[in-house]
Structures are given as C-alpha cells and as structure tokens.
C-alpha cells in the first residue's frame, strides 16, 4: 500500500507539471524550453538578405511576429516605411517579401506566432508589432517611463533593448532586462 501511495503521488506530480507546462503562464513558455527542450517562441531570423537590409536601420524582427497580410502591406509601401524611404530593388524586395510571408505568424508552427495569430481577427493587418492585441496584453503592466521615457530604449518597438535573446526568437519574461532598470518581473 505504501508503494502504491508513493506511485500515485509521483504520477500526480508529473501530471501537474505537464499541465503547468502546457497551459501555464504564457510568459514562462521560453523558460520551459531549457527544461523540456522546446523551441523558442518564434523562429529567429534565418535570411541573410532580410537581416542585412532591415537590421541596418532597426532590429530585424522575426517574421513570426506579424501575420502574412501585415508583411505584404509593409513590403508594398517601402517608399514610406514609417517615415523613411526603405525602397529596394525588385529582386531583393520580392525575395525578402517571400521570406517574410512564408515565415509569418500565419504560417508558423511556433508557440508565440500561433498566439499572435489567434489574437487577431482574420482580416487584421497591423503594420506595427506594438499594435497586436497579444503584444499589448503581454506589455500592459510595464510602465511607460521604463520604456518610452527611457533614452536607452525609446519605444516598445525596440524589442532587443530589453529582450536579451530576441535575436534567437526568445521573448520570455525571464530574460527581460530593461536598461537603466534591471530585470523585469511583474
């Protein structure tokens, strides 16, 4: 009877750990990667042309952070890319657009990309990651003074300023370090 009780307790603990891992806090997703060999939240950038062209001005956002329709809108209006002219030759523009569309949140199997897609209406095509309902939900507790009023960050669009492993596709709350503030924990 004693061994049976221990077996039931051990089994229950494993089930509870499994449930927490599957349905636990979204911010803990990437933390569980190390423990259970899971993938990052979004696929990191793997296209040298996209990285070269886009990271010359800003963080090269992983394509899985926006849906297909958003990337298409962004790529068709590069002459006015958030107030800047970012025009490319047709071959480069088409190659980058194909990469972004094929790896967008719409087509991704990565966890955060799926959550981003589920947070949007089917017709939504936000041009900024900061406009995503999922993004807003995940950042709603961070005081503006720590980001917008922080000269080392400047805006919520500077993902890599606080997310130490953003270039690897990890956006876990456990790896946030806000410049001038330190580790973030809500």
N, C-alpha and C. Protein backbone atom coordinates (compact mmCIF):
# COMPACT_ATOMS: atom_id res chain seq x y z
N UNK A 1 0.83 -1.20 0.00
CA UNK A 1 0.00 0.00 0.00
C UNK A 1 0.87 1.26 0.00
N UNK A 2 1.98 1.22 0.75
CA UNK A 2 2.87 2.36 0.84
C UNK A 2 3.46 2.71 -0.54
N UNK A 3 3.87 1.68 -1.29
CA UNK A 3 4.44 1.91 -2.62
C UNK A 3 3.39 2.43 -3.59
N UNK A 4 2.19 1.95 -3.46
CA UNK A 4 1.10 2.40 -4.32
C UNK A 4 0.83 3.89 -4.08
N UNK A 5 0.83 4.31 -2.82
CA UNK A 5 0.60 5.71 -2.47
C UNK A 5 1.72 6.58 -3.05
N UNK A 6 2.96 6.14 -2.93
CA UNK A 6 4.09 6.89 -3.48
C UNK A 6 3.99 6.98 -5.00
N UNK A 7 3.57 5.90 -5.63
CA UNK A 7 3.41 5.88 -7.08
C UNK A 7 2.33 6.86 -7.52
N UNK A 8 1.22 6.91 -6.80
CA UNK A 8 0.13 7.84 -7.11
C UNK A 8 0.60 9.29 -6.94
N UNK A 9 1.34 9.57 -5.89
CA UNK A 9 1.85 10.92 -5.65
C UNK A 9 2.81 11.34 -6.76
N UNK A 10 3.72 10.43 -7.13
CA UNK A 10 4.68 10.73 -8.20
C UNK A 10 3.95 10.97 -9.53
N UNK A 11 2.98 10.13 -9.84
CA UNK A 11 2.23 10.28 -11.07
C UNK A 11 1.47 11.61 -11.09
N UNK A 12 0.83 11.94 -9.98
CA UNK A 12 0.09 13.20 -9.86
C UNK A 12 1.02 14.39 -10.06
N UNK A 13 2.21 14.35 -9.48
CA UNK A 13 3.17 15.44 -9.63
C UNK A 13 3.57 15.59 -11.09
N UNK A 14 3.80 14.50 -11.79
CA UNK A 14 4.16 14.57 -13.21
C UNK A 14 3.02 15.14 -14.04
N UNK A 15 1.80 14.73 -13.75
CA UNK A 15 0.64 15.26 -14.48
C UNK A 15 0.51 16.76 -14.24
N UNK A 16 0.64 17.19 -13.00
CA UNK A 16 0.52 18.62 -12.69
C UNK A 16 1.63 19.42 -13.36
N UNK A 17 2.84 18.91 -13.39
CA UNK A 17 3.94 19.58 -14.07
C UNK A 17 3.66 19.67 -15.56
N UNK A 18 3.13 18.62 -16.13
CA UNK A 18 2.79 18.61 -17.55
C UNK A 18 1.71 19.63 -17.85
N UNK A 19 0.70 19.72 -17.02
CA UNK A 19 -0.38 20.68 -17.22
C UNK A 19 0.16 22.09 -17.11
N UNK A 20 1.00 22.35 -16.12
CA UNK A 20 1.56 23.68 -15.97
C UNK A 20 2.39 24.04 -17.19
N UNK A 21 3.15 23.11 -17.71
CA UNK A 21 3.99 23.35 -18.87
C UNK A 21 3.14 23.64 -20.09
N UNK A 22 2.04 22.93 -20.25
CA UNK A 22 1.19 23.11 -21.43
C UNK A 22 0.30 24.33 -21.35
N UNK A 23 -0.22 24.61 -20.18
CA UNK A 23 -1.21 25.67 -20.06
C UNK A 23 -0.80 26.76 -19.09
N UNK A 24 0.45 26.74 -18.66
CA UNK A 24 0.91 27.71 -17.68
C UNK A 24 1.00 29.11 -18.25
N UNK A 25 1.55 29.98 -17.47
CA UNK A 25 1.70 31.37 -17.83
C UNK A 25 2.44 31.50 -19.16
N UNK A 26 1.87 32.27 -20.08
CA UNK A 26 2.46 32.44 -21.40
C UNK A 26 3.87 32.99 -21.31
N UNK A 27 4.13 33.81 -20.31
CA UNK A 27 5.45 34.41 -20.19
C UNK A 27 6.51 33.40 -19.80
N UNK A 28 6.10 32.24 -19.35
CA UNK A 28 7.04 31.22 -18.94
C UNK A 28 7.41 30.26 -20.08
N UNK A 29 6.77 30.41 -21.24
CA UNK A 29 6.97 29.48 -22.35
C UNK A 29 8.43 29.22 -22.65
N UNK A 30 9.22 30.26 -22.83
CA UNK A 30 10.60 30.08 -23.22
C UNK A 30 11.44 29.50 -22.09
N UNK A 31 11.05 29.77 -20.85
CA UNK A 31 11.74 29.20 -19.70
C UNK A 31 11.66 27.68 -19.73
N UNK A 32 10.51 27.16 -20.12
CA UNK A 32 10.33 25.72 -20.17
C UNK A 32 11.16 25.07 -21.27
N UNK A 33 11.61 25.87 -22.23
CA UNK A 33 12.43 25.33 -23.32
C UNK A 33 13.65 24.62 -22.75
N UNK A 34 14.35 25.29 -21.84
CA UNK A 34 15.57 24.72 -21.31
C UNK A 34 15.30 23.41 -20.57
N UNK A 35 14.18 23.35 -19.90
CA UNK A 35 13.85 22.16 -19.13
C UNK A 35 13.33 21.02 -19.99
N UNK A 36 12.58 21.33 -21.03
CA UNK A 36 11.93 20.30 -21.82
C UNK A 36 12.33 20.31 -23.29
N UNK A 37 13.42 21.03 -23.63
CA UNK A 37 13.95 21.08 -24.99
C UNK A 37 12.91 21.56 -26.01
N UNK A 38 12.16 22.58 -25.64
CA UNK A 38 11.16 23.14 -26.54
C UNK A 38 11.79 24.21 -27.41
N UNK A 39 11.13 24.55 -28.48
CA UNK A 39 11.61 25.56 -29.40
C UNK A 39 11.42 26.95 -28.82
N UNK A 40 12.13 27.94 -29.40
CA UNK A 40 11.88 29.32 -28.97
C UNK A 40 10.46 29.73 -29.32
N UNK A 41 10.04 30.87 -28.81
CA UNK A 41 8.67 31.33 -29.04
C UNK A 41 8.36 31.67 -30.49
N UNK A 42 9.33 32.21 -31.20
CA UNK A 42 9.19 32.48 -32.63
C UNK A 42 10.49 32.03 -33.30
N UNK A 43 10.38 31.72 -34.57
CA UNK A 43 11.59 31.32 -35.29
C UNK A 43 12.50 32.52 -35.46
N UNK A 44 13.76 32.38 -35.13
CA UNK A 44 14.68 33.50 -35.32
C UNK A 44 14.89 33.80 -36.81
N UNK A 45 15.39 34.96 -37.10
CA UNK A 45 15.65 35.35 -38.48
C UNK A 45 16.73 34.44 -39.06
N UNK A 46 16.43 33.89 -40.23
CA UNK A 46 17.36 32.98 -40.88
C UNK A 46 17.62 33.37 -42.34
N UNK A 47 17.36 34.61 -42.69
CA UNK A 47 17.55 35.05 -44.06
C UNK A 47 18.58 36.18 -44.07
N UNK A 48 19.79 35.92 -44.60
CA UNK A 48 20.85 36.93 -44.58
C UNK A 48 20.49 38.23 -45.31
N UNK A 49 19.77 38.14 -46.42
CA UNK A 49 19.40 39.35 -47.15
C UNK A 49 18.46 40.22 -46.32
N UNK A 50 17.43 39.60 -45.74
CA UNK A 50 16.50 40.34 -44.88
C UNK A 50 17.25 40.96 -43.70
N UNK A 51 18.08 40.17 -43.07
CA UNK A 51 18.81 40.66 -41.90
C UNK A 51 19.73 41.83 -42.28
N UNK A 52 20.43 41.70 -43.38
CA UNK A 52 21.34 42.75 -43.83
C UNK A 52 20.58 44.04 -44.15
N UNK A 53 19.52 43.93 -44.93
CA UNK A 53 18.78 45.12 -45.35
C UNK A 53 18.04 45.80 -44.21
N UNK A 54 17.38 45.01 -43.39
CA UNK A 54 16.50 45.60 -42.37
C UNK A 54 17.22 45.95 -41.08
N UNK A 55 18.21 45.16 -40.70
CA UNK A 55 18.90 45.46 -39.44
C UNK A 55 19.88 46.62 -39.58
N UNK A 56 20.05 47.14 -40.80
CA UNK A 56 20.90 48.32 -40.94
C UNK A 56 20.23 49.54 -40.32
N UNK A 57 18.90 49.49 -40.13
CA UNK A 57 18.17 50.61 -39.52
C UNK A 57 17.51 50.25 -38.19
N UNK A 58 17.12 49.01 -38.02
CA UNK A 58 16.41 48.61 -36.80
C UNK A 58 16.58 47.11 -36.58
N UNK A 59 16.13 46.64 -35.46
CA UNK A 59 16.13 45.23 -35.14
C UNK A 59 15.39 44.48 -36.24
N UNK A 60 15.99 43.43 -36.78
CA UNK A 60 15.33 42.62 -37.81
C UNK A 60 14.31 41.72 -37.12
N UNK A 61 13.07 42.16 -37.15
CA UNK A 61 12.00 41.44 -36.44
C UNK A 61 11.80 40.05 -37.03
N UNK A 62 11.71 39.04 -36.19
CA UNK A 62 11.39 37.70 -36.71
C UNK A 62 10.06 37.73 -37.44
N UNK A 63 9.96 37.10 -38.61
CA UNK A 63 8.73 37.14 -39.39
C UNK A 63 7.51 36.62 -38.64
N UNK A 64 7.71 35.72 -37.68
CA UNK A 64 6.61 35.15 -36.93
C UNK A 64 5.94 36.10 -35.96
N UNK A 65 6.41 37.35 -35.92
CA UNK A 65 5.78 38.34 -35.05
C UNK A 65 4.63 39.09 -35.71
N UNK A 66 4.45 38.89 -37.02
CA UNK A 66 3.34 39.53 -37.73
C UNK A 66 2.69 38.54 -38.68
N UNK A 67 1.40 38.73 -38.96
CA UNK A 67 0.74 37.85 -39.93
C UNK A 67 1.13 38.19 -41.37
N UNK A 68 0.81 37.28 -42.26
CA UNK A 68 1.13 37.44 -43.68
C UNK A 68 0.64 38.78 -44.24
N UNK A 69 -0.61 39.13 -43.97
CA UNK A 69 -1.18 40.36 -44.53
C UNK A 69 -0.39 41.60 -44.10
N UNK A 70 0.13 41.59 -42.88
CA UNK A 70 0.92 42.73 -42.40
C UNK A 70 2.22 42.85 -43.18
N UNK A 71 2.91 41.73 -43.34
CA UNK A 71 4.18 41.77 -44.09
C UNK A 71 3.95 42.21 -45.53
N UNK A 72 2.87 41.76 -46.14
CA UNK A 72 2.59 42.17 -47.52
C UNK A 72 2.38 43.69 -47.60
N UNK A 73 1.63 44.25 -46.64
CA UNK A 73 1.39 45.69 -46.63
C UNK A 73 2.69 46.46 -46.41
N UNK A 74 3.51 45.98 -45.50
CA UNK A 74 4.78 46.65 -45.22
C UNK A 74 5.68 46.64 -46.45
N UNK A 75 5.77 45.50 -47.10
CA UNK A 75 6.69 45.36 -48.23
C UNK A 75 6.21 46.09 -49.49
N UNK A 76 4.94 46.42 -49.58
CA UNK A 76 4.46 47.14 -50.76
C UNK A 76 4.52 48.66 -50.57
N UNK A 77 4.95 49.10 -49.42
CA UNK A 77 4.99 50.53 -49.15
C UNK A 77 6.35 50.95 -48.58
N UNK A 78 7.42 50.40 -49.12
CA UNK A 78 8.75 50.69 -48.59
C UNK A 78 9.23 52.11 -48.88
N UNK A 79 8.59 52.79 -49.83
CA UNK A 79 8.97 54.18 -50.09
C UNK A 79 8.57 55.09 -48.93
N UNK A 80 7.63 54.66 -48.10
CA UNK A 80 7.26 55.38 -46.89
C UNK A 80 7.18 54.36 -45.74
N UNK A 81 8.34 53.87 -45.36
CA UNK A 81 8.45 52.85 -44.32
C UNK A 81 8.58 53.54 -42.96
N UNK A 82 7.43 53.84 -42.37
CA UNK A 82 7.37 54.53 -41.08
C UNK A 82 8.14 55.85 -41.13
N UNK A 83 7.91 56.58 -42.23
CA UNK A 83 8.51 57.90 -42.39
C UNK A 83 9.86 57.89 -43.09
N UNK A 84 10.38 56.75 -43.42
CA UNK A 84 11.68 56.64 -44.10
C UNK A 84 11.51 55.98 -45.46
N UNK A 85 12.41 56.27 -46.36
CA UNK A 85 12.42 55.59 -47.66
C UNK A 85 13.33 54.37 -47.53
N UNK A 86 12.74 53.20 -47.60
CA UNK A 86 13.48 51.94 -47.47
C UNK A 86 13.35 51.10 -48.74
N UNK A 87 13.16 51.78 -49.87
CA UNK A 87 12.96 51.07 -51.13
C UNK A 87 14.13 50.14 -51.44
N UNK A 88 13.79 49.04 -52.08
CA UNK A 88 14.76 48.03 -52.50
C UNK A 88 14.57 47.76 -53.98
N UNK A 89 15.56 47.16 -54.60
CA UNK A 89 15.38 46.70 -55.97
C UNK A 89 14.32 45.61 -55.98
N UNK A 90 13.67 45.44 -57.11
CA UNK A 90 12.57 44.48 -57.20
C UNK A 90 12.97 43.07 -56.77
N UNK A 91 14.12 42.60 -57.20
CA UNK A 91 14.54 41.23 -56.87
C UNK A 91 14.71 41.06 -55.36
N UNK A 92 15.38 42.02 -54.72
CA UNK A 92 15.58 41.94 -53.26
C UNK A 92 14.26 42.07 -52.53
N UNK A 93 13.42 43.02 -52.97
CA UNK A 93 12.12 43.21 -52.30
C UNK A 93 11.29 41.94 -52.38
N UNK A 94 11.22 41.34 -53.55
CA UNK A 94 10.43 40.12 -53.72
C UNK A 94 11.00 38.95 -52.91
N UNK A 95 12.31 38.83 -52.86
CA UNK A 95 12.94 37.76 -52.08
C UNK A 95 12.66 37.92 -50.59
N UNK A 96 12.78 39.15 -50.11
CA UNK A 96 12.52 39.41 -48.69
C UNK A 96 11.04 39.21 -48.38
N UNK A 97 10.17 39.72 -49.24
CA UNK A 97 8.74 39.55 -49.02
C UNK A 97 8.36 38.06 -48.98
N UNK A 98 8.91 37.28 -49.88
CA UNK A 98 8.62 35.84 -49.89
C UNK A 98 9.06 35.19 -48.59
N UNK A 99 10.24 35.56 -48.11
CA UNK A 99 10.73 35.02 -46.84
C UNK A 99 9.80 35.42 -45.69
N UNK A 100 9.44 36.69 -45.61
CA UNK A 100 8.59 37.17 -44.52
C UNK A 100 7.20 36.52 -44.55
N UNK A 101 6.61 36.42 -45.72
CA UNK A 101 5.29 35.83 -45.86
C UNK A 101 5.31 34.35 -45.51
N UNK A 102 6.28 33.62 -46.03
CA UNK A 102 6.36 32.17 -45.78
C UNK A 102 6.65 31.83 -44.33
N UNK A 103 7.24 32.76 -43.60
CA UNK A 103 7.59 32.52 -42.20
C UNK A 103 6.80 33.39 -41.23
N UNK A 104 5.74 33.99 -41.74
CA UNK A 104 4.90 34.87 -40.92
C UNK A 104 4.17 34.09 -39.83
N UNK A 105 3.58 34.81 -38.91
CA UNK A 105 2.80 34.17 -37.84
C UNK A 105 1.69 33.31 -38.42
N UNK A 106 1.16 33.73 -39.56
CA UNK A 106 0.09 33.00 -40.23
C UNK A 106 0.50 31.57 -40.58
N UNK A 107 1.76 31.38 -40.94
CA UNK A 107 2.23 30.08 -41.41
C UNK A 107 3.16 29.37 -40.43
N UNK A 108 3.40 29.96 -39.29
CA UNK A 108 4.37 29.41 -38.34
C UNK A 108 3.76 28.36 -37.42
N UNK A 109 4.60 27.45 -37.00
CA UNK A 109 4.20 26.45 -36.02
C UNK A 109 4.76 26.78 -34.63
N UNK A 110 5.42 27.91 -34.50
CA UNK A 110 5.99 28.30 -33.21
C UNK A 110 4.91 28.86 -32.29
N UNK A 111 5.07 28.61 -31.00
CA UNK A 111 4.05 28.94 -29.99
C UNK A 111 3.60 30.39 -30.00
N UNK A 112 4.52 31.32 -29.88
CA UNK A 112 4.11 32.72 -29.81
C UNK A 112 3.48 33.19 -31.11
N UNK A 113 3.98 32.68 -32.22
CA UNK A 113 3.39 33.05 -33.51
C UNK A 113 1.93 32.59 -33.57
N UNK A 114 1.66 31.40 -33.07
CA UNK A 114 0.28 30.92 -33.04
C UNK A 114 -0.58 31.79 -32.14
N UNK A 115 -0.04 32.20 -31.01
CA UNK A 115 -0.78 33.05 -30.08
C UNK A 115 -1.06 34.42 -30.70
N UNK A 116 -0.09 34.93 -31.43
CA UNK A 116 -0.27 36.21 -32.12
C UNK A 116 -1.40 36.08 -33.13
N UNK A 117 -1.38 35.02 -33.93
CA UNK A 117 -2.42 34.81 -34.94
C UNK A 117 -3.79 34.69 -34.29
N UNK A 118 -3.88 33.94 -33.21
CA UNK A 118 -5.17 33.77 -32.52
C UNK A 118 -5.69 35.07 -31.93
N UNK A 119 -4.80 36.01 -31.64
CA UNK A 119 -5.23 37.28 -31.03
C UNK A 119 -5.82 38.25 -32.05
N UNK A 120 -5.69 37.93 -33.34
CA UNK A 120 -6.13 38.83 -34.40
C UNK A 120 -7.41 38.37 -35.07
N UNK A 121 -8.17 39.32 -35.56
CA UNK A 121 -9.30 38.96 -36.41
C UNK A 121 -8.71 38.53 -37.76
N UNK A 122 -9.42 37.69 -38.51
CA UNK A 122 -8.88 37.19 -39.78
C UNK A 122 -8.51 38.29 -40.79
N UNK A 123 -9.18 39.42 -40.73
CA UNK A 123 -8.90 40.49 -41.70
C UNK A 123 -7.87 41.50 -41.19
N UNK A 124 -7.39 41.34 -39.97
CA UNK A 124 -6.46 42.31 -39.40
C UNK A 124 -5.09 42.24 -40.08
N UNK A 125 -4.51 43.42 -40.27
CA UNK A 125 -3.17 43.51 -40.84
C UNK A 125 -2.44 44.69 -40.21
N UNK A 126 -2.15 44.61 -38.90
CA UNK A 126 -1.47 45.73 -38.25
C UNK A 126 -0.08 45.92 -38.84
N UNK A 127 0.35 47.16 -38.95
CA UNK A 127 1.66 47.45 -39.51
C UNK A 127 2.76 47.44 -38.45
N UNK A 128 2.36 47.50 -37.21
CA UNK A 128 3.35 47.53 -36.12
C UNK A 128 3.09 46.37 -35.17
N UNK A 129 4.15 45.77 -34.71
CA UNK A 129 4.04 44.69 -33.73
C UNK A 129 3.39 45.21 -32.46
N UNK A 130 3.67 46.46 -32.14
CA UNK A 130 3.09 47.06 -30.93
C UNK A 130 1.58 47.25 -31.02
N UNK A 131 0.99 47.07 -32.20
CA UNK A 131 -0.47 47.17 -32.37
C UNK A 131 -1.17 45.83 -32.17
N UNK A 132 -0.43 44.76 -32.05
CA UNK A 132 -1.02 43.43 -31.88
C UNK A 132 -1.71 43.31 -30.53
N UNK A 133 -2.91 42.76 -30.48
CA UNK A 133 -3.56 42.53 -29.19
C UNK A 133 -2.69 41.67 -28.26
N UNK A 134 -2.03 40.68 -28.81
CA UNK A 134 -1.15 39.82 -28.00
C UNK A 134 -0.01 40.65 -27.39
N UNK A 135 0.61 41.49 -28.19
CA UNK A 135 1.69 42.34 -27.71
C UNK A 135 1.19 43.25 -26.58
N UNK A 136 0.06 43.90 -26.81
CA UNK A 136 -0.49 44.82 -25.81
C UNK A 136 -0.76 44.09 -24.49
N UNK A 137 -1.32 42.89 -24.59
CA UNK A 137 -1.60 42.10 -23.39
C UNK A 137 -0.31 41.78 -22.63
N UNK A 138 0.72 41.39 -23.36
CA UNK A 138 1.98 40.99 -22.72
C UNK A 138 2.77 42.16 -22.14
N UNK A 139 2.50 43.37 -22.61
CA UNK A 139 3.27 44.52 -22.16
C UNK A 139 2.45 45.52 -21.34
N UNK A 140 1.22 45.16 -20.99
CA UNK A 140 0.32 46.13 -20.34
C UNK A 140 0.74 46.54 -18.93
N UNK A 141 1.58 45.76 -18.27
CA UNK A 141 1.97 46.10 -16.90
C UNK A 141 3.30 46.86 -16.83
N UNK A 142 3.94 47.04 -17.96
CA UNK A 142 5.23 47.73 -17.95
C UNK A 142 4.99 49.23 -18.02
N UNK A 143 5.44 49.97 -17.02
CA UNK A 143 5.23 51.42 -17.02
C UNK A 143 5.94 52.08 -18.21
N UNK A 144 5.28 53.01 -18.81
CA UNK A 144 5.80 53.73 -19.97
C UNK A 144 7.15 54.40 -19.66
N UNK A 145 7.31 54.86 -18.45
CA UNK A 145 8.54 55.56 -18.08
C UNK A 145 9.77 54.66 -18.21
N UNK A 146 9.57 53.35 -18.09
CA UNK A 146 10.70 52.42 -18.21
C UNK A 146 11.08 52.14 -19.65
N UNK A 147 10.18 52.49 -20.57
CA UNK A 147 10.44 52.21 -21.98
C UNK A 147 10.47 53.49 -22.79
N UNK A 148 9.32 54.12 -22.96
CA UNK A 148 9.23 55.33 -23.81
C UNK A 148 10.06 56.49 -23.27
N UNK A 149 10.08 56.65 -21.96
CA UNK A 149 10.82 57.75 -21.35
C UNK A 149 12.25 57.36 -21.02
N UNK A 150 12.65 56.18 -21.43
CA UNK A 150 13.99 55.66 -21.16
C UNK A 150 14.85 55.87 -22.41
N UNK A 151 15.84 56.76 -22.36
CA UNK A 151 16.66 57.03 -23.54
C UNK A 151 17.44 55.81 -24.05
N UNK A 152 17.61 54.81 -23.21
CA UNK A 152 18.32 53.59 -23.63
C UNK A 152 17.41 52.61 -24.35
N UNK A 153 16.10 52.88 -24.33
CA UNK A 153 15.13 52.02 -25.01
C UNK A 153 14.39 52.85 -26.05
N UNK A 154 13.62 53.85 -25.62
CA UNK A 154 12.96 54.77 -26.55
C UNK A 154 11.54 54.41 -26.95
N UNK A 155 11.27 53.14 -27.19
CA UNK A 155 9.91 52.73 -27.55
C UNK A 155 9.76 51.23 -27.36
N UNK A 156 8.51 50.81 -27.35
CA UNK A 156 8.23 49.38 -27.22
C UNK A 156 8.62 48.60 -28.47
N UNK A 157 8.92 49.28 -29.56
CA UNK A 157 9.31 48.59 -30.79
C UNK A 157 10.78 48.16 -30.78
N UNK A 158 11.52 48.57 -29.78
CA UNK A 158 12.93 48.19 -29.67
C UNK A 158 13.05 46.89 -28.86
N UNK A 159 12.50 45.82 -29.39
CA UNK A 159 12.42 44.53 -28.68
C UNK A 159 13.75 44.11 -28.07
N UNK A 160 14.81 44.21 -28.88
CA UNK A 160 16.10 43.71 -28.44
C UNK A 160 16.76 44.56 -27.35
N UNK A 161 16.20 45.73 -27.06
CA UNK A 161 16.74 46.55 -25.97
C UNK A 161 16.50 45.89 -24.62
N UNK A 162 15.37 45.19 -24.49
CA UNK A 162 15.00 44.57 -23.21
C UNK A 162 15.03 43.04 -23.25
N UNK A 163 14.63 42.49 -24.39
CA UNK A 163 14.62 41.03 -24.53
C UNK A 163 16.01 40.58 -24.97
N UNK A 164 16.78 40.07 -24.03
CA UNK A 164 18.18 39.75 -24.27
C UNK A 164 18.41 38.74 -25.38
N UNK A 165 17.47 37.84 -25.60
CA UNK A 165 17.63 36.80 -26.61
C UNK A 165 16.64 36.94 -27.76
N UNK A 166 16.20 38.16 -28.02
CA UNK A 166 15.23 38.40 -29.09
C UNK A 166 15.76 37.91 -30.44
N UNK A 167 17.04 38.08 -30.68
CA UNK A 167 17.62 37.66 -31.96
C UNK A 167 17.60 36.13 -32.12
N UNK A 168 17.39 35.41 -31.04
CA UNK A 168 17.29 33.95 -31.09
C UNK A 168 15.84 33.47 -31.09
N UNK A 169 14.89 34.42 -31.06
CA UNK A 169 13.48 34.07 -31.07
C UNK A 169 12.86 33.90 -29.70
N UNK A 170 13.61 34.22 -28.65
CA UNK A 170 13.10 34.10 -27.28
C UNK A 170 12.64 35.45 -26.77
N UNK A 171 11.39 35.49 -26.31
CA UNK A 171 10.83 36.71 -25.76
C UNK A 171 10.25 36.45 -24.37
N UNK A 172 10.88 35.54 -23.66
CA UNK A 172 10.42 35.14 -22.34
C UNK A 172 10.57 36.27 -21.34
N UNK A 173 9.62 36.34 -20.44
CA UNK A 173 9.68 37.31 -19.36
C UNK A 173 10.90 37.07 -18.47
N UNK A 174 11.37 35.84 -18.44
CA UNK A 174 12.52 35.51 -17.59
C UNK A 174 13.83 36.10 -18.08
N UNK A 175 13.88 36.55 -19.31
CA UNK A 175 15.11 37.08 -19.88
C UNK A 175 14.99 38.56 -20.23
N UNK A 176 14.12 39.27 -19.51
CA UNK A 176 13.97 40.70 -19.76
C UNK A 176 14.87 41.47 -18.80
N UNK A 177 15.62 42.37 -19.37
CA UNK A 177 16.46 43.27 -18.58
C UNK A 177 16.31 44.65 -19.19
N UNK A 178 15.59 45.51 -18.51
CA UNK A 178 15.32 46.86 -19.02
C UNK A 178 16.53 47.74 -18.69
N UNK A 179 17.17 48.30 -19.72
CA UNK A 179 18.33 49.16 -19.49
C UNK A 179 18.02 50.29 -18.50
N UNK A 180 18.90 50.47 -17.54
CA UNK A 180 18.71 51.50 -16.53
C UNK A 180 17.77 51.11 -15.41
N UNK A 181 17.13 49.95 -15.53
CA UNK A 181 16.19 49.49 -14.53
C UNK A 181 16.62 48.13 -13.97
N UNK A 182 16.93 47.21 -14.86
CA UNK A 182 17.33 45.87 -14.45
C UNK A 182 16.31 44.84 -14.88
N UNK A 183 16.34 43.70 -14.20
CA UNK A 183 15.45 42.58 -14.54
C UNK A 183 14.00 42.96 -14.28
N UNK A 184 13.13 42.65 -15.26
CA UNK A 184 11.72 42.93 -15.11
C UNK A 184 11.00 41.69 -14.59
N UNK A 185 10.16 41.88 -13.61
CA UNK A 185 9.36 40.77 -13.08
C UNK A 185 8.05 41.38 -12.59
N UNK A 186 6.95 40.96 -13.24
CA UNK A 186 5.67 41.55 -12.82
C UNK A 186 5.02 40.80 -11.72
